[in-house]
Amino acid sequence: MKIIATDRSGVSREIEGRDNWTLMEMLRDAGLPITAECGGACACATCHVYVEDGWYEKLPPKSDAETDMLDMALAVQENSRLACQITCSDALDGITVTLAPE
């Protein structure tokens, strides 16, 4: 599966995703500047991304824990999600995200 990610300077790149890995892991492993301080435990908001329209609706609803973490994030928008809570699958082939401000 492919992921289209735009970094904070506006540069987009296509990266390869792996089934059952989180989007956070894929962004981090591709060298994008995502901190992911908690390592994917949904205990921080340092993997905050904006999910583009059309893709956001395909994601499972946010858990209470994710909602709580996003409440502490900067520049939260309606399409904000934590990349550690998005699991890669064929259903998300082509998902487009933008890294949120730090």
N, C-alpha and C. Protein backbone atom coordinates (compact mmCIF):
# COMPACT_ATOMS: atom_id res chain seq x y z
N MET A 1 0.83 -1.18 0.00
CA MET A 1 0.00 0.00 0.00
C MET A 1 0.87 1.24 0.00
N LYS A 2 0.35 2.31 -0.53
CA LYS A 2 1.12 3.56 -0.53
C LYS A 2 0.47 4.58 0.38
N ILE A 3 1.32 5.44 0.91
CA ILE A 3 0.91 6.55 1.77
C ILE A 3 1.49 7.81 1.14
N ILE A 4 0.68 8.83 1.01
CA ILE A 4 1.17 10.10 0.50
C ILE A 4 1.21 11.05 1.69
N ALA A 5 2.41 11.47 2.05
CA ALA A 5 2.61 12.29 3.25
C ALA A 5 3.26 13.61 2.87
N THR A 6 2.72 14.68 3.44
CA THR A 6 3.28 16.01 3.25
C THR A 6 3.90 16.45 4.56
N ASP A 7 5.17 16.88 4.49
CA ASP A 7 5.84 17.30 5.72
C ASP A 7 5.47 18.75 6.05
N ARG A 8 6.05 19.27 7.10
CA ARG A 8 5.68 20.60 7.58
C ARG A 8 6.16 21.74 6.67
N SER A 9 7.06 21.43 5.76
CA SER A 9 7.51 22.46 4.81
C SER A 9 6.74 22.39 3.50
N GLY A 10 5.76 21.48 3.41
CA GLY A 10 4.91 21.39 2.23
C GLY A 10 5.39 20.42 1.17
N VAL A 11 6.43 19.66 1.47
CA VAL A 11 6.96 18.69 0.51
C VAL A 11 6.22 17.36 0.68
N SER A 12 5.67 16.87 -0.44
CA SER A 12 4.95 15.60 -0.42
C SER A 12 5.84 14.49 -0.92
N ARG A 13 5.63 13.32 -0.35
CA ARG A 13 6.34 12.14 -0.85
C ARG A 13 5.47 10.92 -0.67
N GLU A 14 5.72 9.97 -1.51
CA GLU A 14 4.99 8.70 -1.44
C GLU A 14 5.87 7.70 -0.71
N ILE A 15 5.30 7.06 0.30
CA ILE A 15 6.05 6.04 1.03
C ILE A 15 5.26 4.74 1.00
N GLU A 16 5.95 3.67 1.19
CA GLU A 16 5.34 2.35 1.17
C GLU A 16 4.87 1.98 2.57
N GLY A 17 3.64 1.54 2.68
CA GLY A 17 3.09 1.10 3.95
C GLY A 17 3.17 -0.42 4.06
N ARG A 18 3.06 -0.91 5.27
CA ARG A 18 3.06 -2.36 5.52
C ARG A 18 1.79 -2.72 6.27
N ASP A 19 1.12 -3.77 5.83
CA ASP A 19 -0.09 -4.23 6.50
C ASP A 19 0.13 -4.42 7.99
N ASN A 20 -0.82 -3.95 8.76
CA ASN A 20 -0.86 -4.08 10.22
C ASN A 20 0.21 -3.29 10.96
N TRP A 21 0.94 -2.42 10.27
CA TRP A 21 1.85 -1.47 10.92
C TRP A 21 1.08 -0.17 11.04
N THR A 22 1.45 0.65 12.00
CA THR A 22 0.75 1.92 12.13
C THR A 22 1.32 2.96 11.17
N LEU A 23 0.49 3.92 10.87
CA LEU A 23 0.93 5.02 10.02
C LEU A 23 2.11 5.74 10.66
N MET A 24 2.09 5.88 11.97
CA MET A 24 3.20 6.51 12.69
C MET A 24 4.51 5.78 12.41
N GLU A 25 4.50 4.46 12.46
CA GLU A 25 5.72 3.69 12.21
C GLU A 25 6.22 3.91 10.79
N MET A 26 5.31 3.97 9.84
CA MET A 26 5.70 4.17 8.44
C MET A 26 6.28 5.56 8.22
N LEU A 27 5.66 6.57 8.81
CA LEU A 27 6.18 7.94 8.67
C LEU A 27 7.55 8.07 9.30
N ARG A 28 7.70 7.53 10.50
CA ARG A 28 8.97 7.58 11.22
C ARG A 28 10.06 6.84 10.45
N ASP A 29 9.74 5.63 10.00
CA ASP A 29 10.74 4.82 9.30
C ASP A 29 11.13 5.42 7.95
N ALA A 30 10.24 6.24 7.37
CA ALA A 30 10.56 6.90 6.10
C ALA A 30 11.39 8.16 6.31
N GLY A 31 11.68 8.49 7.57
CA GLY A 31 12.52 9.64 7.86
C GLY A 31 11.79 10.96 7.95
N LEU A 32 10.46 10.91 7.99
CA LEU A 32 9.72 12.16 8.16
C LEU A 32 9.88 12.65 9.60
N PRO A 33 9.86 13.97 9.79
CA PRO A 33 10.11 14.53 11.13
C PRO A 33 8.90 14.39 12.06
N ILE A 34 8.65 13.18 12.49
CA ILE A 34 7.56 12.91 13.42
C ILE A 34 8.20 12.38 14.70
N THR A 35 7.89 13.00 15.81
CA THR A 35 8.58 12.66 17.05
C THR A 35 8.16 11.32 17.62
N ALA A 36 6.87 11.09 17.73
CA ALA A 36 6.34 9.82 18.25
C ALA A 36 6.99 9.45 19.58
N GLU A 37 6.96 10.39 20.52
CA GLU A 37 7.64 10.22 21.80
C GLU A 37 7.20 8.99 22.59
N CYS A 38 5.92 8.65 22.52
CA CYS A 38 5.44 7.51 23.33
C CYS A 38 5.58 6.18 22.59
N GLY A 39 6.08 6.21 21.37
CA GLY A 39 6.30 4.98 20.62
C GLY A 39 5.03 4.31 20.13
N GLY A 40 3.93 5.03 20.13
CA GLY A 40 2.69 4.48 19.61
C GLY A 40 1.72 4.01 20.66
N ALA A 41 1.91 4.42 21.91
CA ALA A 41 1.05 3.98 23.01
C ALA A 41 -0.16 4.89 23.23
N CYS A 42 -0.38 5.86 22.34
CA CYS A 42 -1.48 6.82 22.47
C CYS A 42 -1.38 7.57 23.80
N ALA A 43 -0.15 7.94 24.15
CA ALA A 43 0.09 8.63 25.42
C ALA A 43 0.69 10.03 25.20
N CYS A 44 0.69 10.48 23.96
CA CYS A 44 1.14 11.84 23.64
C CYS A 44 0.45 12.23 22.34
N ALA A 45 0.77 13.38 21.82
CA ALA A 45 0.17 13.80 20.55
C ALA A 45 1.24 14.20 19.55
N THR A 46 2.43 13.62 19.68
CA THR A 46 3.56 14.01 18.82
C THR A 46 3.55 13.33 17.46
N CYS A 47 2.51 12.55 17.17
CA CYS A 47 2.35 11.96 15.83
C CYS A 47 1.07 12.49 15.18
N HIS A 48 0.67 13.68 15.58
CA HIS A 48 -0.55 14.33 15.09
C HIS A 48 -0.43 14.60 13.59
N VAL A 49 -1.44 14.14 12.85
CA VAL A 49 -1.51 14.39 11.41
C VAL A 49 -2.90 14.87 11.04
N TYR A 50 -2.99 15.50 9.87
CA TYR A 50 -4.26 15.85 9.26
C TYR A 50 -4.52 14.85 8.15
N VAL A 51 -5.66 14.21 8.19
CA VAL A 51 -6.04 13.22 7.19
C VAL A 51 -6.93 13.91 6.16
N GLU A 52 -6.56 13.77 4.89
CA GLU A 52 -7.30 14.45 3.83
C GLU A 52 -8.72 13.92 3.69
N ASP A 53 -9.60 14.82 3.23
CA ASP A 53 -11.00 14.45 2.99
C ASP A 53 -11.07 13.22 2.10
N GLY A 54 -12.06 12.41 2.33
CA GLY A 54 -12.21 11.17 1.58
C GLY A 54 -11.54 10.01 2.28
N TRP A 55 -10.44 10.28 2.96
CA TRP A 55 -9.74 9.25 3.73
C TRP A 55 -10.16 9.26 5.18
N TYR A 56 -10.38 10.44 5.70
CA TYR A 56 -10.76 10.56 7.11
C TYR A 56 -12.00 9.70 7.40
N GLU A 57 -12.95 9.74 6.50
CA GLU A 57 -14.21 9.02 6.69
C GLU A 57 -14.03 7.51 6.66
N LYS A 58 -12.94 7.03 6.08
CA LYS A 58 -12.70 5.59 5.99
C LYS A 58 -12.05 5.02 7.24
N LEU A 59 -11.63 5.89 8.14
CA LEU A 59 -10.95 5.44 9.36
C LEU A 59 -11.96 5.06 10.42
N PRO A 60 -11.57 4.13 11.30
CA PRO A 60 -12.45 3.85 12.44
C PRO A 60 -12.56 5.08 13.33
N PRO A 61 -13.62 5.20 14.10
CA PRO A 61 -13.77 6.36 14.98
C PRO A 61 -12.63 6.45 15.98
N LYS A 62 -12.37 7.68 16.44
CA LYS A 62 -11.35 7.89 17.47
C LYS A 62 -11.78 7.23 18.77
N SER A 63 -10.82 6.66 19.45
CA SER A 63 -11.09 6.14 20.80
C SER A 63 -11.12 7.32 21.77
N ASP A 64 -11.61 7.07 22.97
CA ASP A 64 -11.61 8.12 24.00
C ASP A 64 -10.18 8.56 24.30
N ALA A 65 -9.25 7.62 24.32
CA ALA A 65 -7.85 7.95 24.60
C ALA A 65 -7.27 8.86 23.52
N GLU A 66 -7.57 8.58 22.27
CA GLU A 66 -7.08 9.42 21.18
C GLU A 66 -7.69 10.82 21.27
N THR A 67 -8.97 10.89 21.54
CA THR A 67 -9.63 12.18 21.69
C THR A 67 -8.99 12.98 22.82
N ASP A 68 -8.70 12.33 23.94
CA ASP A 68 -8.06 13.01 25.08
C ASP A 68 -6.68 13.53 24.70
N MET A 69 -5.90 12.75 23.96
CA MET A 69 -4.56 13.18 23.56
C MET A 69 -4.64 14.35 22.58
N LEU A 70 -5.59 14.30 21.65
CA LEU A 70 -5.74 15.39 20.70
C LEU A 70 -6.17 16.68 21.39
N ASP A 71 -6.86 16.56 22.51
CA ASP A 71 -7.24 17.75 23.27
C ASP A 71 -6.01 18.52 23.76
N MET A 72 -4.87 17.85 23.85
CA MET A 72 -3.64 18.49 24.31
C MET A 72 -2.73 18.92 23.15
N ALA A 73 -3.11 18.60 21.93
CA ALA A 73 -2.28 18.91 20.76
C ALA A 73 -2.50 20.35 20.32
N LEU A 74 -1.56 20.83 19.53
CA LEU A 74 -1.65 22.17 18.94
C LEU A 74 -2.35 22.08 17.60
N ALA A 75 -3.04 23.14 17.22
CA ALA A 75 -3.61 23.30 15.88
C ALA A 75 -4.50 22.12 15.47
N VAL A 76 -5.33 21.66 16.39
CA VAL A 76 -6.24 20.54 16.09
C VAL A 76 -7.32 21.03 15.13
N GLN A 77 -7.60 20.19 14.14
CA GLN A 77 -8.66 20.46 13.16
C GLN A 77 -9.64 19.29 13.16
N GLU A 78 -10.73 19.44 12.43
CA GLU A 78 -11.72 18.37 12.37
C GLU A 78 -11.15 17.08 11.80
N ASN A 79 -10.12 17.17 10.97
CA ASN A 79 -9.53 15.99 10.34
C ASN A 79 -8.24 15.54 11.05
N SER A 80 -8.05 15.96 12.28
CA SER A 80 -6.88 15.57 13.06
C SER A 80 -7.01 14.14 13.56
N ARG A 81 -5.91 13.41 13.47
CA ARG A 81 -5.83 12.06 14.04
C ARG A 81 -4.40 11.85 14.54
N LEU A 82 -4.23 10.86 15.38
CA LEU A 82 -2.90 10.44 15.80
C LEU A 82 -2.48 9.29 14.88
N ALA A 83 -1.32 9.44 14.27
CA ALA A 83 -0.86 8.44 13.30
C ALA A 83 -0.64 7.07 13.94
N CYS A 84 -0.40 7.05 15.24
CA CYS A 84 -0.20 5.77 15.93
C CYS A 84 -1.49 4.98 16.06
N GLN A 85 -2.62 5.63 15.79
CA GLN A 85 -3.92 4.97 15.93
C GLN A 85 -4.51 4.57 14.58
N ILE A 86 -3.74 4.75 13.52
CA ILE A 86 -4.18 4.38 12.17
C ILE A 86 -3.36 3.18 11.72
N THR A 87 -4.01 2.06 11.52
CA THR A 87 -3.33 0.84 11.10
C THR A 87 -3.41 0.71 9.58
N CYS A 88 -2.25 0.49 8.96
CA CYS A 88 -2.18 0.36 7.51
C CYS A 88 -2.87 -0.93 7.05
N SER A 89 -3.59 -0.80 5.94
CA SER A 89 -4.26 -1.95 5.32
C SER A 89 -4.52 -1.60 3.86
N ASP A 90 -4.90 -2.60 3.08
CA ASP A 90 -5.21 -2.35 1.67
C ASP A 90 -6.35 -1.35 1.52
N ALA A 91 -7.26 -1.30 2.49
CA ALA A 91 -8.39 -0.36 2.43
C ALA A 91 -7.92 1.09 2.47
N LEU A 92 -6.71 1.32 2.97
CA LEU A 92 -6.17 2.68 3.07
C LEU A 92 -5.09 2.96 2.04
N ASP A 93 -5.01 2.13 1.00
CA ASP A 93 -4.02 2.33 -0.06
C ASP A 93 -4.23 3.69 -0.71
N GLY A 94 -3.23 4.55 -0.61
CA GLY A 94 -3.29 5.89 -1.18
C GLY A 94 -3.67 6.97 -0.18
N ILE A 95 -3.81 6.61 1.11
CA ILE A 95 -4.18 7.59 2.12
C ILE A 95 -3.23 8.79 2.06
N THR A 96 -3.79 9.97 2.23
CA THR A 96 -3.03 11.22 2.14
C THR A 96 -3.11 11.94 3.47
N VAL A 97 -1.95 12.26 4.03
CA VAL A 97 -1.88 12.95 5.33
C VAL A 97 -0.86 14.07 5.27
N THR A 98 -1.02 15.01 6.20
CA THR A 98 -0.07 16.11 6.35
C THR A 98 0.34 16.14 7.82
N LEU A 99 1.62 16.28 8.08
CA LEU A 99 2.10 16.37 9.45
C LEU A 99 1.62 17.69 10.06
N ALA A 100 1.05 17.62 11.24
CA ALA A 100 0.59 18.82 11.94
C ALA A 100 1.79 19.56 12.51
N PRO A 101 1.63 20.85 12.83
CA PRO A 101 2.73 21.60 13.44
C PRO A 101 3.15 20.96 14.76
N GLU A 102 4.42 21.14 15.10
CA GLU A 102 4.94 20.58 16.37
C GLU A 102 4.46 21.41 17.53
